[in-house]
Amino acid sequence: MQYSIYNPHREQLDNLIKALYLNNGFSLLIAEFDRYAYRDMLIAEIDKKFKNSVILEIAGGKFSEFVRFENQLLELSKQFSVIHITNEQGWLYSEKWPEFYKGMNYHREKIAEENPVPIIFWMTSKDVREFALTAPDMWHWRSGVFHFVMTEYHMVTLVEEENIQPRIDEILDYLKKHPEPDESTNVLLFQELAELYYRLANYQKARKYLLKELDLLKNQNAGKKKRAAHKILVVDDEPDWELLIRERFKKQIGSREWEFIFARDGDEALEKMKKTPGIAVILLDINLPKKDGLTFLKELKGLKNSNAKVVMVTAFAIIENVRAAMNEEVFLLLSKSIPNYFGILEHTIQRALKQTNLNKKA
């Protein structure tokens, strides 16, 4: 049976595959997901392009010492072109994680030197967040983060092991008694069945109900009025900022209301502005490498698509920056140190988008 990837994730998958193709040696890639069965489908899709790949599962105390993991990694890198590393029990919540983290930190140069192939770490959303916050050295080591989270629809299955089969029977009985499909309800039920069957290691049925869920989601999206997402350019050199933005505004991203585009410096931001039409709002840090935010603002005026509303953000509300920002007619200047920063930022983006729409109608 041929299956398809959830449409909003196609670009992320293409970017991940592109990163693998462009790899000239070792690289560490982070793939964020929240559905185990869906993760396996994504791995299968990647493996169509890279048939010489392997999955290294590290759960359940498989490697009692880090050196065993390191040796296994070395052996696999001699035989395979891509290594997927998975942990069904969660990365940061096993008692072995501190040892694993220290080993990766202390041995990262050796691992990079001896393993000339890309490694993909498949991590849940919770683990990725904790990873970025508690393992910053390792986080900075990454070559890319790719997001495959179905946040708008995801529902955690809280069922004890002994109650899994009774719960499956209960759902199947409900579906049998209600042949007229309620698509919104069935999306959640098919999702739960896929996760329950996955926990029973019945991967064939897990895939069956995951495909049913994806078909319903596809039909629901086709029935909605097509509307382009509002494009928001985030220009910030803090390595964790993209992760925080995606986490805080995952609802708007999942519903395709907002689309975030990221740049790390003023030069990259100008390139994104030239190549990406329709950017409505720019969240611009003042202190940037290569070209700072105020210089970027001056050059932005020379672009044809420079009608975007600019919200300047900074960790330090220095009075000179405030005056300079006012001179450049920015929409608003925000300090990252204010209480409820993200709540205020969300409200500010909404106001800026509204003003942009009013300007278009004028």
Foldseek 3Di string as FASTA:
>chain_A
DDFDAQVVQPVLLVVVLVCQVPAQFEAEEEEEEAAPLNVVVSVVVSCVVFVQEEEAECEDCPDVALVVVLVVLLVSLVRGQEYEYEYPVAQPPDPCNVRNLVCCLVCVVVSRVRRGHYYYYYHYLVRVVCCCVVRVSVLVRHPYYGYRYLVVQDDDDDDDPVCLVVVLVVLVVVCVVCVPDPLSVLLNSLSSQLRSCVVVVVSVSSVVSVRVNSVSVVVVVVPDDDDAAAEEEEEAQDSCPVSVVCVLCVVCVSVNNYDYDYHDALVRSVVCPVVPPRHAEYEAEQDGPPHGRLRSLVVLVPDPRSNHAYEYEYQDPDVVVVVSCVVSVHPYYYHPPDPPRVVVVVVSVVVSNVVSVVVVVD
